[in-house]
Amino acid sequence: MLFGHGDNCQRHYQSVCVHRQYPKRCIPWQSNIFFVYAQISSISKIDLVQSYIICLGCRINRWIKMVGKKFLTVRVIAAILLLPVNVMFLIPALFFDLSVPILYHWTTWVSIAIGVPATILSIKCLRLFIQNGGGGTPAPWDPVQNLIIKGPYRYVRNPMLIGVIFFLFSESLFFLSIPLFIYATLFLLGNMVYFPLVEEKGLIKRYGGAYLTYMSNVPKWLPRSKPYNPE
């Protein structure tokens, strides 16, 4: 079928019929406009063509939304693979000689106690980006449209990055790897320089006064004791 029984299309068609005083002549669209016209020949050709065009527009709009949603999903997955997955897993696995951890050693359990909450924090922030970002991804080259001040972002401005940093240090403790510890330290220092010099300027340019107000009320790295309420 070229046209289905979409509620929006039928509603548009009914509005045309009511306007033209044919309230009982509305039927779902079939695959052929001439087949429809044969069933409701009392409706003028102008009304029929108008309804056909409206219905076609509804269907095209749904196609665009469906494709756009799938494309956004691909962008989000790409951002996740290129940033957190790459930083937290691929680079340590490929560039560091990681030994098998001693499971009964106290450092292993401390690292798990740090790494699990850090992972949960990063995942929660990622969900906020997807649900409230209004399009876009967590990646700086494809940012979200909306300024997010919910959940962990009410306490600190960089909760996702903090989660990644804590995970890297817990990972170095888990494998008892000094090179991995140095990597985590360099990642921390690099972001402490990059964020105020580059990313924060972009956020101010994108969100203007709203982000400046957010900056003045929510700390960059150390969480505040009470959640910030922007309203």
C-alpha atoms as a PDB file:
ATOM      1  CA  MET A   1       0.000   0.000   0.000  1.00  0.00           C
ATOM      2  CA  LEU A   2       1.218   3.484  -0.816  1.00  0.00           C
ATOM      3  CA  PHE A   3      -1.022   4.995   1.835  1.00  0.00           C
ATOM      4  CA  GLY A   4      -2.084   3.325   5.053  1.00  0.00           C
ATOM      5  CA  HIS A   5      -4.679   4.089   7.679  1.00  0.00           C
ATOM      6  CA  GLY A   6      -2.662   6.785   9.506  1.00  0.00           C
ATOM      7  CA  ASP A   7      -4.701   8.702  12.104  1.00  0.00           C
ATOM      8  CA  ASN A   8      -3.222  12.043  11.074  1.00  0.00           C
ATOM      9  CA  CYS A   9      -4.094  11.488   7.434  1.00  0.00           C
ATOM     10  CA  GLN A  10      -7.627  10.398   8.246  1.00  0.00           C
ATOM     11  CA  ARG A  11      -8.064  13.361  10.571  1.00  0.00           C
ATOM     12  CA  HIS A  12      -6.949  15.766   7.838  1.00  0.00           C
ATOM     13  CA  TYR A  13      -9.255  14.061   5.410  1.00  0.00           C
ATOM     14  CA  GLN A  14     -12.183  14.287   7.821  1.00  0.00           C
ATOM     15  CA  SER A  15     -11.560  18.002   8.306  1.00  0.00           C
ATOM     16  CA  VAL A  16     -11.822  18.496   4.554  1.00  0.00           C
ATOM     17  CA  CYS A  17     -15.021  16.424   4.422  1.00  0.00           C
ATOM     18  CA  VAL A  18     -16.617  18.315   7.307  1.00  0.00           C
ATOM     19  CA  HIS A  19     -15.688  21.595   5.683  1.00  0.00           C
ATOM     20  CA  ARG A  20     -17.340  20.414   2.471  1.00  0.00           C
ATOM     21  CA  GLN A  21     -20.314  18.917   4.336  1.00  0.00           C
ATOM     22  CA  TYR A  22     -19.450  15.267   3.762  1.00  0.00           C
ATOM     23  CA  PRO A  23     -18.994  14.118   7.386  1.00  0.00           C
ATOM     24  CA  LYS A  24     -20.052  10.507   6.732  1.00  0.00           C
ATOM     25  CA  ARG A  25     -18.018   9.967   3.587  1.00  0.00           C
ATOM     26  CA  CYS A  26     -14.573   9.711   5.204  1.00  0.00           C
ATOM     27  CA  ILE A  27     -12.803   6.398   4.632  1.00  0.00           C
ATOM     28  CA  PRO A  28      -9.167   5.296   5.033  1.00  0.00           C
ATOM     29  CA  TRP A  29      -6.896   5.943   2.085  1.00  0.00           C
ATOM     30  CA  GLN A  30      -6.271   3.073  -0.316  1.00  0.00           C
ATOM     31  CA  SER A  31      -3.322   2.595  -2.644  1.00  0.00           C
ATOM     32  CA  ASN A  32      -4.936   4.287  -5.624  1.00  0.00           C
ATOM     33  CA  ILE A  33      -6.607   7.687  -5.695  1.00  0.00           C
ATOM     34  CA  PHE A  34      -8.979   6.583  -8.470  1.00  0.00           C
ATOM     35  CA  PHE A  35     -10.129   3.653  -6.352  1.00  0.00           C
ATOM     36  CA  VAL A  36     -10.988   6.100  -3.586  1.00  0.00           C
ATOM     37  CA  TYR A  37     -12.775   8.399  -5.964  1.00  0.00           C
ATOM     38  CA  ALA A  38     -14.802   5.494  -7.329  1.00  0.00           C
ATOM     39  CA  GLN A  39     -16.112   4.757  -3.820  1.00  0.00           C
ATOM     40  CA  ILE A  40     -16.990   8.340  -2.926  1.00  0.00           C
ATOM     41  CA  SER A  41     -17.921   9.865  -6.215  1.00  0.00           C
ATOM     42  CA  SER A  42     -20.144  12.459  -4.533  1.00  0.00           C
ATOM     43  CA  ILE A  43     -17.032  14.262  -3.246  1.00  0.00           C
ATOM     44  CA  SER A  44     -15.591  16.795  -5.624  1.00  0.00           C
ATOM     45  CA  LYS A  45     -12.262  16.205  -7.327  1.00  0.00           C
ATOM     46  CA  ILE A  46     -10.835  19.337  -5.677  1.00  0.00           C
ATOM     47  CA  ASP A  47     -11.588  17.970  -2.201  1.00  0.00           C
ATOM     48  CA  LEU A  48     -10.172  14.617  -3.158  1.00  0.00           C
ATOM     49  CA  VAL A  49      -6.915  16.029  -4.514  1.00  0.00           C
ATOM     50  CA  GLN A  50      -6.588  18.334  -1.512  1.00  0.00           C
ATOM     51  CA  SER A  51      -7.010  15.416   0.893  1.00  0.00           C
ATOM     52  CA  TYR A  52      -4.573  13.330  -1.149  1.00  0.00           C
ATOM     53  CA  ILE A  53      -1.900  16.049  -0.952  1.00  0.00           C
ATOM     54  CA  ILE A  54      -2.415  16.530   2.805  1.00  0.00           C
ATOM     55  CA  CYS A  55      -2.142  12.798   3.397  1.00  0.00           C
ATOM     56  CA  LEU A  56       0.989  12.582   1.252  1.00  0.00           C
ATOM     57  CA  GLY A  57       2.537  15.420   3.267  1.00  0.00           C
ATOM     58  CA  CYS A  58       1.771  13.605   6.540  1.00  0.00           C
ATOM     59  CA  ARG A  59       3.379  10.431   5.292  1.00  0.00           C
ATOM     60  CA  ILE A  60       6.512  12.216   4.016  1.00  0.00           C
ATOM     61  CA  ASN A  61       6.812  14.050   7.354  1.00  0.00           C
ATOM     62  CA  ARG A  62       6.700  10.733   9.221  1.00  0.00           C
ATOM     63  CA  TRP A  63       9.363   9.301   6.903  1.00  0.00           C
ATOM     64  CA  ILE A  64      11.624  12.322   7.551  1.00  0.00           C
ATOM     65  CA  LYS A  65      11.212  11.981  11.329  1.00  0.00           C
ATOM     66  CA  MET A  66      11.913   8.244  11.178  1.00  0.00           C
ATOM     67  CA  VAL A  67      15.087   8.695   9.097  1.00  0.00           C
ATOM     68  CA  GLY A  68      16.215  11.622  11.269  1.00  0.00           C
ATOM     69  CA  LYS A  69      15.748   9.577  14.442  1.00  0.00           C
ATOM     70  CA  LYS A  70      17.753   6.658  13.032  1.00  0.00           C
ATOM     71  CA  PHE A  71      20.478   9.030  11.820  1.00  0.00           C
ATOM     72  CA  LEU A  72      20.681  10.603  15.299  1.00  0.00           C
ATOM     73  CA  THR A  73      21.062   7.131  16.793  1.00  0.00           C
ATOM     74  CA  VAL A  74      24.021   6.465  14.488  1.00  0.00           C
ATOM     75  CA  ARG A  75      25.614   9.796  15.489  1.00  0.00           C
ATOM     76  CA  VAL A  76      25.181   9.052  19.200  1.00  0.00           C
ATOM     77  CA  ILE A  77      26.676   5.570  18.822  1.00  0.00           C
ATOM     78  CA  ALA A  78      29.626   7.020  16.869  1.00  0.00           C
ATOM     79  CA  ALA A  79      30.216   9.642  19.579  1.00  0.00           C
ATOM     80  CA  ILE A  80      30.149   6.967  22.296  1.00  0.00           C
ATOM     81  CA  LEU A  81      32.608   4.762  20.397  1.00  0.00           C
ATOM     82  CA  LEU A  82      34.986   7.615  19.593  1.00  0.00           C
ATOM     83  CA  LEU A  83      35.034   9.182  23.052  1.00  0.00           C
ATOM     84  CA  PRO A  84      34.200   7.219  26.240  1.00  0.00           C
ATOM     85  CA  VAL A  85      34.629   3.716  24.806  1.00  0.00           C
ATOM     86  CA  ASN A  86      37.844   4.682  23.073  1.00  0.00           C
ATOM     87  CA  VAL A  87      39.287   6.512  26.086  1.00  0.00           C
ATOM     88  CA  MET A  88      38.160   4.048  28.754  1.00  0.00           C
ATOM     89  CA  PHE A  89      38.653   0.694  27.023  1.00  0.00           C
ATOM     90  CA  LEU A  90      40.287   0.630  23.580  1.00  0.00           C
ATOM     91  CA  ILE A  91      43.347   2.802  24.278  1.00  0.00           C
ATOM     92  CA  PRO A  92      44.191   1.043  27.594  1.00  0.00           C
ATOM     93  CA  ALA A  93      43.722  -2.386  25.978  1.00  0.00           C
ATOM     94  CA  LEU A  94      45.776  -1.612  22.864  1.00  0.00           C
ATOM     95  CA  PHE A  95      48.618   0.539  24.205  1.00  0.00           C
ATOM     96  CA  PHE A  96      49.251  -0.776  27.712  1.00  0.00           C
ATOM     97  CA  ASP A  97      50.544  -4.123  28.855  1.00  0.00           C
ATOM     98  CA  LEU A  98      47.832  -4.968  31.385  1.00  0.00           C
ATOM     99  CA  SER A  99      48.398  -7.956  33.649  1.00  0.00           C
ATOM    100  CA  VAL A 100      45.649 -10.174  35.012  1.00  0.00           C
ATOM    101  CA  PRO A 101      44.443  -8.633  38.298  1.00  0.00           C
ATOM    102  CA  ILE A 102      44.707 -10.442  41.615  1.00  0.00           C
ATOM    103  CA  LEU A 103      41.029 -10.806  42.482  1.00  0.00           C
ATOM    104  CA  TYR A 104      41.487 -11.318  46.221  1.00  0.00           C
ATOM    105  CA  HIS A 105      43.769  -8.281  46.640  1.00  0.00           C
ATOM    106  CA  TRP A 106      42.278  -5.248  48.394  1.00  0.00           C
ATOM    107  CA  THR A 107      43.203  -2.904  45.514  1.00  0.00           C
ATOM    108  CA  THR A 108      40.954  -4.872  43.185  1.00  0.00           C
ATOM    109  CA  TRP A 109      37.886  -4.334  45.353  1.00  0.00           C
ATOM    110  CA  VAL A 110      38.698  -0.668  45.943  1.00  0.00           C
ATOM    111  CA  SER A 111      39.001  -0.135  42.198  1.00  0.00           C
ATOM    112  CA  ILE A 112      35.636  -1.829  41.640  1.00  0.00           C
ATOM    113  CA  ALA A 113      34.056   0.292  44.375  1.00  0.00           C
ATOM    114  CA  ILE A 114      35.282   3.408  42.525  1.00  0.00           C
ATOM    115  CA  GLY A 115      34.833   2.251  38.929  1.00  0.00           C
ATOM    116  CA  VAL A 116      31.248   0.988  39.128  1.00  0.00           C
ATOM    117  CA  PRO A 117      29.734   4.261  40.472  1.00  0.00           C
ATOM    118  CA  ALA A 118      31.865   6.214  37.988  1.00  0.00           C
ATOM    119  CA  THR A 119      30.491   4.129  35.111  1.00  0.00           C
ATOM    120  CA  ILE A 120      26.911   4.547  36.357  1.00  0.00           C
ATOM    121  CA  LEU A 121      27.442   8.313  36.592  1.00  0.00           C
ATOM    122  CA  SER A 122      28.712   8.522  33.003  1.00  0.00           C
ATOM    123  CA  ILE A 123      25.842   6.385  31.690  1.00  0.00           C
ATOM    124  CA  LYS A 124      23.284   8.498  33.542  1.00  0.00           C
ATOM    125  CA  CYS A 125      24.741  11.668  32.021  1.00  0.00           C
ATOM    126  CA  LEU A 126      24.675  10.082  28.577  1.00  0.00           C
ATOM    127  CA  ARG A 127      20.985   9.249  29.012  1.00  0.00           C
ATOM    128  CA  LEU A 128      20.291  12.875  29.944  1.00  0.00           C
ATOM    129  CA  PHE A 129      21.993  14.005  26.735  1.00  0.00           C
ATOM    130  CA  ILE A 130      19.888  11.636  24.647  1.00  0.00           C
ATOM    131  CA  GLN A 131      16.582  12.351  26.396  1.00  0.00           C
ATOM    132  CA  ASN A 132      16.862  16.118  26.961  1.00  0.00           C
ATOM    133  CA  GLY A 133      19.470  17.335  24.502  1.00  0.00           C
ATOM    134  CA  GLY A 134      17.011  18.096  21.713  1.00  0.00           C
ATOM    135  CA  GLY A 135      19.224  16.434  19.110  1.00  0.00           C
ATOM    136  CA  GLY A 136      22.976  16.233  18.887  1.00  0.00           C
ATOM    137  CA  THR A 137      25.416  14.072  20.843  1.00  0.00           C
ATOM    138  CA  PRO A 138      27.802  14.380  23.813  1.00  0.00           C
ATOM    139  CA  ALA A 139      30.653  14.920  21.334  1.00  0.00           C
ATOM    140  CA  PRO A 140      31.950  18.529  21.080  1.00  0.00           C
ATOM    141  CA  TRP A 141      31.831  18.402  17.247  1.00  0.00           C
ATOM    142  CA  ASP A 142      28.120  17.482  17.284  1.00  0.00           C
ATOM    143  CA  PRO A 143      26.707  19.154  20.427  1.00  0.00           C
ATOM    144  CA  VAL A 144      23.184  18.990  21.790  1.00  0.00           C
ATOM    145  CA  GLN A 145      20.774  21.869  21.218  1.00  0.00           C
ATOM    146  CA  ASN A 146      19.548  22.305  24.802  1.00  0.00           C
ATOM    147  CA  LEU A 147      21.480  23.305  27.896  1.00  0.00           C
ATOM    148  CA  ILE A 148      21.070  20.391  30.310  1.00  0.00           C
ATOM    149  CA  ILE A 149      20.688  21.316  33.973  1.00  0.00           C
ATOM    150  CA  LYS A 150      19.224  18.116  35.350  1.00  0.00           C
ATOM    151  CA  GLY A 151      20.391  15.219  37.488  1.00  0.00           C
ATOM    152  CA  PRO A 152      24.141  15.343  38.192  1.00  0.00           C
ATOM    153  CA  TYR A 153      24.436  18.578  36.181  1.00  0.00           C
ATOM    154  CA  ARG A 154      22.664  20.377  39.024  1.00  0.00           C
ATOM    155  CA  TYR A 155      25.684  19.644  41.261  1.00  0.00           C
ATOM    156  CA  VAL A 156      28.670  19.982  38.948  1.00  0.00           C
ATOM    157  CA  ARG A 157      29.254  21.128  35.362  1.00  0.00           C
ATOM    158  CA  ASN A 158      31.284  18.122  34.175  1.00  0.00           C
ATOM    159  CA  PRO A 159      29.777  14.987  35.730  1.00  0.00           C
ATOM    160  CA  MET A 160      30.270  12.779  32.667  1.00  0.00           C
ATOM    161  CA  LEU A 161      33.924  13.729  32.382  1.00  0.00           C
ATOM    162  CA  ILE A 162      34.392  13.235  36.129  1.00  0.00           C
ATOM    163  CA  GLY A 163      32.925   9.750  35.776  1.00  0.00           C
ATOM    164  CA  VAL A 164      35.377   8.913  32.985  1.00  0.00           C
ATOM    165  CA  ILE A 165      38.346  10.269  34.964  1.00  0.00           C
ATOM    166  CA  PHE A 166      37.467   8.273  38.084  1.00  0.00           C
ATOM    167  CA  PHE A 167      36.996   5.176  35.947  1.00  0.00           C
ATOM    168  CA  LEU A 168      40.466   5.569  34.429  1.00  0.00           C
ATOM    169  CA  PHE A 169      42.108   5.869  37.850  1.00  0.00           C
ATOM    170  CA  SER A 170      40.130   2.879  39.129  1.00  0.00           C
ATOM    171  CA  GLU A 171      41.224   0.970  36.022  1.00  0.00           C
ATOM    172  CA  SER A 172      44.879   1.743  36.748  1.00  0.00           C
ATOM    173  CA  LEU A 173      44.374   0.505  40.301  1.00  0.00           C
ATOM    174  CA  PHE A 174      42.548  -2.606  39.118  1.00  0.00           C
ATOM    175  CA  PHE A 175      45.444  -3.641  36.858  1.00  0.00           C
ATOM    176  CA  LEU A 176      48.128  -2.136  39.128  1.00  0.00           C
ATOM    177  CA  SER A 177      49.445  -0.305  36.081  1.00  0.00           C
ATOM    178  CA  ILE A 178      51.678   2.753  36.522  1.00  0.00           C
ATOM    179  CA  PRO A 179      51.570   3.624  32.761  1.00  0.00           C
ATOM    180  CA  LEU A 180      47.775   3.546  32.904  1.00  0.00           C
ATOM    181  CA  PHE A 181      47.895   5.780  35.993  1.00  0.00           C
ATOM    182  CA  ILE A 182      50.073   8.254  34.080  1.00  0.00           C
ATOM    183  CA  TYR A 183      47.628   8.090  31.149  1.00  0.00           C
ATOM    184  CA  ALA A 184      44.706   8.876  33.510  1.00  0.00           C
ATOM    185  CA  THR A 185      46.660  11.777  35.028  1.00  0.00           C
ATOM    186  CA  LEU A 186      47.497  13.231  31.606  1.00  0.00           C
ATOM    187  CA  PHE A 187      43.852  12.866  30.559  1.00  0.00           C
ATOM    188  CA  LEU A 188      42.791  14.782  33.693  1.00  0.00           C
ATOM    189  CA  LEU A 189      45.334  17.564  33.174  1.00  0.00           C
ATOM    190  CA  GLY A 190      44.532  17.821  29.472  1.00  0.00           C
ATOM    191  CA  ASN A 191      40.835  18.305  30.168  1.00  0.00           C
ATOM    192  CA  MET A 192      41.539  20.814  32.941  1.00  0.00           C
ATOM    193  CA  VAL A 193      43.273  22.919  30.270  1.00  0.00           C
ATOM    194  CA  TYR A 194      40.987  22.119  27.332  1.00  0.00           C
ATOM    195  CA  PHE A 195      37.662  22.747  29.062  1.00  0.00           C
ATOM    196  CA  PRO A 196      38.115  26.419  30.098  1.00  0.00           C
ATOM    197  CA  LEU A 197      40.122  27.376  27.016  1.00  0.00           C
ATOM    198  CA  VAL A 198      38.033  25.699  24.321  1.00  0.00           C
ATOM    199  CA  GLU A 199      34.837  23.910  25.285  1.00  0.00           C
ATOM    200  CA  GLU A 200      33.574  26.422  27.829  1.00  0.00           C
ATOM    201  CA  LYS A 201      33.955  29.275  25.353  1.00  0.00           C
ATOM    202  CA  GLY A 202      31.893  27.301  22.854  1.00  0.00           C
ATOM    203  CA  LEU A 203      29.189  26.686  25.470  1.00  0.00           C
ATOM    204  CA  ILE A 204      29.027  30.405  26.301  1.00  0.00           C
ATOM    205  CA  LYS A 205      28.724  31.225  22.609  1.00  0.00           C
ATOM    206  CA  ARG A 206      25.995  28.608  22.124  1.00  0.00           C
ATOM    207  CA  TYR A 207      23.853  29.243  25.207  1.00  0.00           C
ATOM    208  CA  GLY A 208      24.762  32.838  26.101  1.00  0.00           C
ATOM    209  CA  GLY A 209      23.548  34.245  29.390  1.00  0.00           C
ATOM    210  CA  ALA A 210      21.914  30.963  30.437  1.00  0.00           C
ATOM    211  CA  TYR A 211      25.302  29.250  30.594  1.00  0.00           C
ATOM    212  CA  LEU A 212      26.971  32.222  32.290  1.00  0.00           C
ATOM    213  CA  THR A 213      24.338  32.017  35.035  1.00  0.00           C
ATOM    214  CA  TYR A 214      24.889  28.270  35.253  1.00  0.00           C
ATOM    215  CA  MET A 215      28.664  28.828  35.528  1.00  0.00           C
ATOM    216  CA  SER A 216      28.265  31.297  38.376  1.00  0.00           C
ATOM    217  CA  ASN A 217      26.098  28.868  40.388  1.00  0.00           C
ATOM    218  CA  VAL A 218      27.522  25.416  39.653  1.00  0.00           C
ATOM    219  CA  PRO A 219      31.225  24.540  40.155  1.00  0.00           C
ATOM    220  CA  LYS A 220      33.338  23.015  37.412  1.00  0.00           C
ATOM    221  CA  TRP A 221      34.909  20.042  39.204  1.00  0.00           C
ATOM    222  CA  LEU A 222      33.907  19.873  42.884  1.00  0.00           C
ATOM    223  CA  PRO A 223      30.151  19.206  43.335  1.00  0.00           C
ATOM    224  CA  ARG A 224      28.105  21.623  45.383  1.00  0.00           C
ATOM    225  CA  SER A 225      26.331  20.317  48.471  1.00  0.00           C
ATOM    226  CA  LYS A 226      22.804  21.199  47.322  1.00  0.00           C
ATOM    227  CA  PRO A 227      21.346  20.864  43.806  1.00  0.00           C
ATOM    228  CA  TYR A 228      21.124  24.043  41.781  1.00  0.00           C
ATOM    229  CA  ASN A 229      17.602  25.071  40.786  1.00  0.00           C
ATOM    230  CA  PRO A 230      17.665  27.240  37.639  1.00  0.00           C
ATOM    231  CA  GLU A 231      14.029  28.327  38.009  1.00  0.00           C
END
